[in-house]
Every structure is written in C-alpha cells, then in structure tokens.
Amino acid sequence: MLTKTKKAKVIKEVAVHDTDTGSTEVQVAVLSKRIDELASHLKKNPKDNHSRRGLLGMVADRRTHLKYLEKKNLKRYTALVKKLGL
C-alpha cells in the first residue's frame, strides 16, 4: 500500500510546479509506484487474483496516460520515461 509520505515523495520528484498533484507526469509516477508495490505483493501471493486484476487495470491506465503525454508533448514524455525507467 502506498502511504502518504511515499506518495508525497513521488509527487515531489516529478511535479511540474509546486502545487502540482494532477498532471499526467504525477499520475504516471504514482501509478508506477503502486504497480511496483502490487507486483511485489503478487510475487509473495501468487493466488491473489483480485489484486492481479487491479494490477492489470493500473497498467492499462498508465499506458493510456503515457500515450496521451506522448501525443501532446514528446519532450516531457521522453523525460518522464527516462526518469521513471520505463
């Protein structure tokens, strides 16, 4: 589970401006962190199919956000992908 402090740290790393909490970059970064944590949970609990379904939904959502960002601003997209290591 993503705690408030972890989420705030992730947001601070990729925020476009000081009060940024909803830009595409922030949403992708938070989703990536949640995906990483859920993937590690599923390695320990391989039969947890409900969490697996949630993981697939998050991956699809992240992919949609990345496609949008790539279409709107390629420079910001490449910087984000490099920063997050996707």
Protein backbone atom coordinates (compact mmCIF):
# COMPACT_ATOMS: atom_id res chain seq x y z
CA MET A 1 0.00 0.00 0.00
CA LEU A 2 1.23 3.45 -0.90
CA THR A 3 1.50 5.61 2.23
CA LYS A 4 1.02 9.37 2.26
CA THR A 5 4.73 10.02 2.74
CA LYS A 6 5.76 7.73 -0.12
CA LYS A 7 3.16 9.31 -2.38
CA ALA A 8 4.26 12.84 -1.44
CA LYS A 9 7.88 11.92 -2.19
CA VAL A 10 6.96 10.54 -5.63
CA ILE A 11 4.87 13.63 -6.41
CA LYS A 12 7.68 15.96 -5.33
CA GLU A 13 10.15 14.22 -7.66
CA VAL A 14 8.12 14.66 -10.86
CA ALA A 15 5.86 17.66 -10.18
CA VAL A 16 5.83 20.33 -12.88
CA HIS A 17 5.22 23.13 -10.34
CA ASP A 18 4.87 23.48 -6.56
CA THR A 19 1.16 22.72 -6.22
CA ASP A 20 1.07 20.07 -8.95
CA THR A 21 -0.86 16.96 -7.93
CA GLY A 22 -2.78 16.00 -11.04
CA SER A 23 -0.59 16.45 -14.10
CA THR A 24 -0.04 13.48 -16.36
CA GLU A 25 3.54 13.08 -15.11
CA VAL A 26 2.42 12.88 -11.49
CA GLN A 27 -0.36 10.43 -12.28
CA VAL A 28 2.03 8.14 -14.19
CA ALA A 29 4.62 8.29 -11.40
CA VAL A 30 2.08 7.43 -8.69
CA LEU A 31 0.65 4.61 -10.79
CA SER A 32 4.16 3.27 -11.41
CA LYS A 33 4.89 3.22 -7.68
CA ARG A 34 1.59 1.47 -6.95
CA ILE A 35 2.29 -1.05 -9.73
CA ASP A 36 5.73 -1.83 -8.29
CA GLU A 37 4.33 -2.40 -4.81
CA LEU A 38 1.47 -4.55 -6.06
CA ALA A 39 3.82 -6.62 -8.23
CA SER A 40 5.97 -7.40 -5.20
CA HIS A 41 2.80 -8.38 -3.29
CA LEU A 42 1.79 -10.75 -6.09
CA LYS A 43 5.21 -12.42 -6.04
CA LYS A 44 4.53 -13.40 -2.42
CA ASN A 45 0.85 -14.19 -3.01
CA PRO A 46 0.52 -15.77 -6.48
CA LYS A 47 -3.10 -16.87 -5.99
CA ASP A 48 -4.42 -13.38 -5.23
CA ASN A 49 -6.42 -12.97 -8.43
CA HIS A 50 -8.39 -9.94 -7.23
CA SER A 51 -5.19 -7.94 -6.79
CA ARG A 52 -3.90 -9.22 -10.12
CA ARG A 53 -6.99 -7.80 -11.83
CA GLY A 54 -6.40 -4.45 -10.14
CA LEU A 55 -2.78 -4.52 -11.28
CA LEU A 56 -3.81 -5.08 -14.90
CA GLY A 57 -6.21 -2.14 -14.68
CA MET A 58 -3.47 0.12 -13.32
CA VAL A 59 -1.06 -0.94 -16.06
CA ALA A 60 -3.70 -0.16 -18.69
CA ASP A 61 -4.40 3.22 -17.08
CA ARG A 62 -0.68 4.08 -17.01
CA ARG A 63 -0.35 3.09 -20.66
CA THR A 64 -3.26 5.37 -21.56
CA HIS A 65 -1.69 8.32 -19.70
CA LEU A 66 1.66 7.70 -21.38
CA LYS A 67 0.06 7.60 -24.84
CA TYR A 68 -1.68 10.90 -24.12
CA LEU A 69 1.54 12.53 -22.94
CA GLU A 70 3.46 11.22 -25.95
CA LYS A 71 0.85 12.68 -28.28
CA LYS A 72 0.67 16.06 -26.54
CA ASN A 73 4.31 16.71 -25.60
CA LEU A 74 7.04 14.32 -26.76
CA LYS A 75 9.80 16.14 -24.84
CA ARG A 76 8.02 15.76 -21.48
CA TYR A 77 7.18 12.13 -22.36
CA THR A 78 10.80 11.17 -23.03
CA ALA A 79 11.98 12.96 -19.87
CA LEU A 80 9.40 11.12 -17.76
CA VAL A 81 10.17 7.71 -19.25
CA LYS A 82 13.86 8.26 -18.63
CA LYS A 83 13.26 9.47 -15.05
CA LEU A 84 11.00 6.55 -14.14
CA GLY A 85 12.98 3.93 -16.06
CA LEU A 86 10.04 2.62 -18.08
